[in-house]
Amino acid sequence: MGKKKKLRVLYDCDVCPAYCCSYARIIVDNKDIARLAKYFGISRKEARKKFTKKGHEPGERVLRHRKDEHYGTACRFLDQETRMCTIYEARPAICGDYPGLRKCGYYEFLKFERMLQEDDEFVPTAYNP
C-alpha cells in the first residue's frame, strides 16, 4: 500500500486573525507540556503550572489565555500584533492538526465578511466588550 495522498487545504492561516486561538479549550496533553518545557528550558511541572490550567473535563489541561482585542481572550502565545503563534515550533499537537479538514469554517466566514465590508483587514467577531 502506497503513501496516503495529502489533500490540499482550501484556507490560508496567514490571512486569518487567529480565530482558533480564541477557543477556550485548547487542550494539551503531557507530550505538549513536555515540548513547552523543553522549548522554554524549564521543568514539566513549571510549564504545566505557568502555561496551562484545569479544563472542564476531569484531568483535562488547557492553555492559559490573556486579553485579546478581537475575541475577548486568546491563547497566551498569540502575538497580539502579528496574530501569529510565538511558539510555532513547540505548539501543541491540537494546534497543528486544526481544523483537520480541507476547509475552515471561520476562514470561509472571514472571506465572505471581508468581501461584503470591502475591507481586507476586517475582523468579524461576536465579542462585544
Foldseek 3Di string as FASTA:
>chain_A
DDDDDDDAADFDPQLALQPVQLDPAAWADLLLLVLVCVVVVHDSVVSQVPFWDDDDDPPTIGGDWDQAPAERIGGPQQDNPSSDGNPVVSHGPSVVCPPVDSYDPVRVVLVVVCVVVVHSNDHDYPDDD
